[in-house]
Protein backbone atom coordinates (compact mmCIF):
# COMPACT_ATOMS: atom_id res chain seq x y z
CA MET A 1 246.35 105.60 138.27
CA TYR A 2 248.57 103.61 137.05
CA SER A 3 251.78 105.41 134.59
CA PRO A 4 255.17 104.62 134.40
CA ALA A 5 256.71 107.87 133.60
CA TYR A 6 257.33 106.40 130.24
CA ASN A 7 253.96 107.26 129.61
CA GLN A 8 253.35 110.10 132.10
CA LEU A 9 252.83 113.87 129.37
CA GLU A 10 254.64 117.03 130.39
CA ASN A 11 254.14 118.99 127.95
CA LYS A 12 250.60 122.14 129.27
CA THR A 13 250.13 122.52 126.32
CA GLU A 14 249.68 119.26 124.95
CA LEU A 15 247.97 118.87 127.98
CA LEU A 16 245.33 121.27 127.89
CA ALA A 17 245.56 121.06 123.96
CA PHE A 18 243.84 117.19 124.19
CA LEU A 19 241.20 118.26 128.02
CA ARG A 20 239.78 120.81 125.93
CA ALA A 21 239.75 118.42 122.44
CA ASN A 22 238.45 116.05 124.88
CA ASN A 23 235.45 117.93 126.60
CA PHE A 24 232.91 115.83 127.75
CA PRO A 25 234.29 114.08 131.28
CA ILE A 26 233.13 112.15 134.50
CA LEU A 27 233.31 113.63 137.03
CA VAL A 28 233.51 111.42 140.55
CA THR A 29 232.77 111.82 144.18
CA GLY A 30 232.78 109.47 146.79
CA THR A 31 231.16 110.08 150.00
CA ALA A 32 230.35 108.29 153.14
CA GLY A 33 232.12 105.02 150.79
CA VAL A 34 229.44 106.05 148.18
CA LEU A 35 230.73 106.39 144.87
CA HIS A 36 228.78 108.50 141.91
CA ALA A 37 229.48 109.76 138.92
CA SER A 38 228.28 112.39 135.42
CA HIS A 39 229.15 112.90 132.63
CA LEU A 40 228.73 116.86 132.60
CA PRO A 41 230.01 119.07 129.30
CA VAL A 42 232.98 121.20 130.45
CA THR A 43 235.17 124.45 128.99
CA ILE A 44 238.79 124.99 130.42
CA HIS A 45 241.14 127.91 131.39
CA GLU A 46 243.56 129.10 132.20
CA ASN A 47 243.96 131.35 136.25
CA GLY A 48 247.76 131.99 135.98
CA GLU A 49 249.81 128.66 136.00
CA GLN A 50 247.45 127.00 137.59
CA ILE A 51 244.59 124.95 135.33
CA VAL A 52 240.61 125.53 136.13
CA ILE A 53 237.81 123.14 135.24
CA ASP A 54 234.81 125.32 134.52
CA MET A 55 231.12 123.05 134.95
CA HIS A 56 227.85 122.61 135.58
CA MET A 57 225.18 119.99 136.07
CA ALA A 58 220.89 120.18 137.02
CA LYS A 59 220.22 121.09 140.39
CA ASN A 60 217.95 118.28 140.23
CA ASN A 61 220.97 116.28 140.59
CA PRO A 62 221.65 115.52 143.92
CA GLN A 63 225.78 114.31 143.32
CA TRP A 64 226.42 118.53 143.85
CA LYS A 65 225.74 118.53 147.38
CA GLU A 66 229.18 116.25 147.86
CA PHE A 67 230.69 119.16 147.51
CA PHE A 68 232.58 119.80 151.17
CA ASP A 69 235.61 119.58 151.09
CA ASP A 70 236.92 116.95 149.48
CA GLU A 71 238.79 116.44 146.06
CA VAL A 72 236.92 114.86 143.75
CA MET A 73 237.88 113.67 140.35
CA VAL A 74 237.39 114.30 136.27
CA VAL A 75 238.51 111.96 133.93
CA PHE A 76 239.01 112.96 130.72
CA SER A 77 239.34 110.05 127.66
CA GLY A 78 240.89 110.27 124.94
CA PRO A 79 241.78 107.88 121.15
CA HIS A 80 241.99 104.57 122.21
CA ALA A 81 242.10 101.38 119.93
CA TYR A 82 242.87 97.82 119.96
CA VAL A 83 246.23 96.42 119.44
CA SER A 84 246.63 93.33 118.14
CA PRO A 85 249.84 90.96 119.05
CA ARG A 86 249.78 90.11 114.28
CA TRP A 87 251.05 93.87 114.16
CA TYR A 88 254.71 93.48 115.69
CA ALA A 89 257.97 92.44 114.57
CA ASP A 90 258.70 90.24 117.32
CA GLU A 91 256.21 87.22 117.42
CA GLU A 92 255.77 86.47 120.96
CA ARG A 93 253.60 89.50 121.96
CA VAL A 94 250.38 89.06 123.74
CA PRO A 95 247.23 92.27 122.65
CA THR A 96 246.73 95.01 124.81
CA TRP A 97 244.87 97.72 124.54
CA ASN A 98 246.82 102.05 123.78
CA TYR A 99 244.90 105.17 124.81
CA ALA A 100 245.11 108.37 126.60
CA ALA A 101 243.91 110.18 129.69
CA VAL A 102 244.03 112.07 132.78
CA HIS A 103 243.00 112.33 136.02
CA ALA A 104 242.19 115.52 137.93
CA TYR A 105 241.70 116.68 140.83
CA GLY A 106 240.91 119.13 142.75
CA VAL A 107 237.63 121.12 144.99
CA PRO A 108 234.85 122.38 143.97
CA ARG A 109 233.64 125.62 144.20
CA ILE A 110 230.06 126.33 143.95
CA ASN A 111 229.45 130.21 141.67
CA PRO A 112 226.24 130.88 143.52
CA ASP A 113 226.22 134.22 141.60
CA ARG A 114 223.84 135.01 138.62
CA GLN A 115 226.13 137.03 136.47
CA ALA A 116 228.77 134.06 137.06
CA LYS A 117 226.57 131.33 136.13
CA ALA A 118 225.53 133.27 132.68
CA ASP A 119 228.83 134.40 132.08
CA SER A 120 229.72 130.37 132.02
CA GLN A 121 226.03 129.00 129.83
CA ARG A 122 227.57 131.87 127.81
CA ARG A 123 231.62 130.64 127.33
CA LEU A 124 230.27 127.27 126.75
CA ILE A 125 228.01 127.64 124.43
CA GLU A 126 230.42 129.56 122.40
CA SER A 127 233.59 127.85 122.38
CA LEU A 128 230.93 124.44 121.21
CA ASP A 129 228.62 126.62 119.16
CA PRO A 130 229.35 130.29 118.57
CA GLN A 131 227.01 130.40 115.35
CA TRP A 132 224.41 129.97 117.46
CA LEU A 133 225.62 132.55 120.53
CA PRO A 134 224.15 135.55 118.84
CA LYS A 135 220.77 134.20 119.26
CA HIS A 136 221.17 132.59 122.40
CA ASP A 137 222.43 136.52 123.71
CA ALA A 138 218.53 137.13 122.34
CA LEU A 139 217.31 135.21 124.90
CA SER A 140 215.10 136.53 126.42
CA GLN A 141 215.62 137.65 129.98
CA LYS A 142 213.10 136.31 131.97
CA TYR A 143 213.69 132.90 129.80
CA VAL A 144 217.86 132.79 131.03
CA ASP A 145 216.87 132.86 134.66
CA MET A 146 215.09 129.64 134.40
CA MET A 147 217.92 128.14 133.13
CA LEU A 148 219.80 129.15 134.67
CA ASP A 149 218.32 128.89 137.75
CA GLY A 150 217.74 124.73 137.36
CA ILE A 151 221.53 124.30 137.02
CA VAL A 152 224.21 124.67 139.84
CA ASN A 153 227.50 125.95 138.28
CA PHE A 154 230.86 124.94 139.38
CA SER A 155 234.35 125.31 139.35
CA ILE A 156 237.64 122.51 139.92
CA PRO A 157 241.25 124.91 140.65
CA VAL A 158 243.06 122.04 139.05
CA ALA A 159 245.50 120.09 141.99
CA ARG A 160 246.90 117.55 140.56
CA VAL A 161 247.25 115.65 137.13
CA GLU A 162 247.76 112.07 136.47
CA THR A 163 248.31 111.04 132.92
CA ARG A 164 248.46 107.70 130.63
CA TRP A 165 249.69 108.38 127.00
CA LYS A 166 250.01 104.27 125.95
CA LEU A 167 251.16 103.72 123.00
CA SER A 168 253.85 100.69 123.26
CA GLN A 169 257.09 103.57 123.61
CA ASN A 170 258.80 100.38 126.19
CA ARG A 171 258.24 98.76 122.52
CA GLY A 172 260.44 100.63 120.78
CA ARG A 173 260.15 103.21 118.20
CA ARG A 174 260.37 100.33 114.97
CA GLU A 175 257.41 98.62 116.56
CA MET A 176 255.48 101.62 117.73
CA GLU A 177 255.58 102.87 113.96
CA LEU A 178 254.40 99.22 113.23
CA ILE A 179 251.51 99.69 115.94
CA ALA A 180 250.76 103.68 113.62
CA ALA A 181 250.86 102.32 110.12
CA GLN A 182 247.82 99.79 110.93
CA LEU A 183 246.33 101.67 113.39
CA GLU A 184 245.89 104.13 110.68
CA LYS A 185 243.99 102.39 107.51
CA SER A 186 241.14 101.45 110.53
CA ALA A 187 238.04 102.48 109.58
CA ASN A 188 237.27 103.77 113.59
CA GLY A 189 237.90 107.56 113.52
CA SER A 190 239.14 107.06 117.31
CA ALA A 191 242.15 104.50 116.41
CA ARG A 192 243.18 106.29 113.54
CA ASP A 193 243.16 109.31 115.97
CA LEU A 194 245.97 106.99 117.72
CA ALA A 195 247.60 106.42 115.15
CA ALA A 196 248.40 110.45 114.96
CA LEU A 197 248.74 110.23 118.39
CA THR A 198 251.59 107.66 117.73
CA ARG A 199 253.62 109.10 115.50
CA LYS A 200 253.75 112.48 117.79
CA HIS A 201 255.31 110.09 120.48
CA TYR A 202 257.78 108.48 119.04
CA VAL A 203 260.28 107.27 121.32
CA ASP A 204 264.41 107.34 119.89
CA LYS A 205 265.08 104.15 119.59
């Protein structure tokens, strides 16, 4: 991903929070020149200093059969919005689109152990729907086994990440303030979230 130095995120705590908040990424694989992509829910863990992405897909989805020793890419998208040149102090500007995104890379590891699969699904439910967790735990083992048989669970230890927080940092603080003020007025929730993110990353000048 093209990302100038001033757009790159260095704060690991913020990175982890972003991944967890935007937990429906796209898994991209490429074998023999053919690309495949799946939209999948995830949970994010840490193994020491390493970030680990925990995922699953339907067993009938052939993409998991492409997991060899090659890296895959997981694309996380955050808030984004159109930025009008009308918002700048400098009138000689062109339109742009601001956003936050992360590309995470690693080699997938399939988890064949049934208990590991069950634990993965429980963690996902706990993160998304904790109120339903007691009913999940009360499901019959027969039904749970049937559901587990229909999925492939895998984890991706993240070897490297590419980040881009494109928030008009190159335009200076004054322009960022003007953009954030306009985004805040939007009826679109993503635009308002982008306004908050922009304010968090104001440059000094």
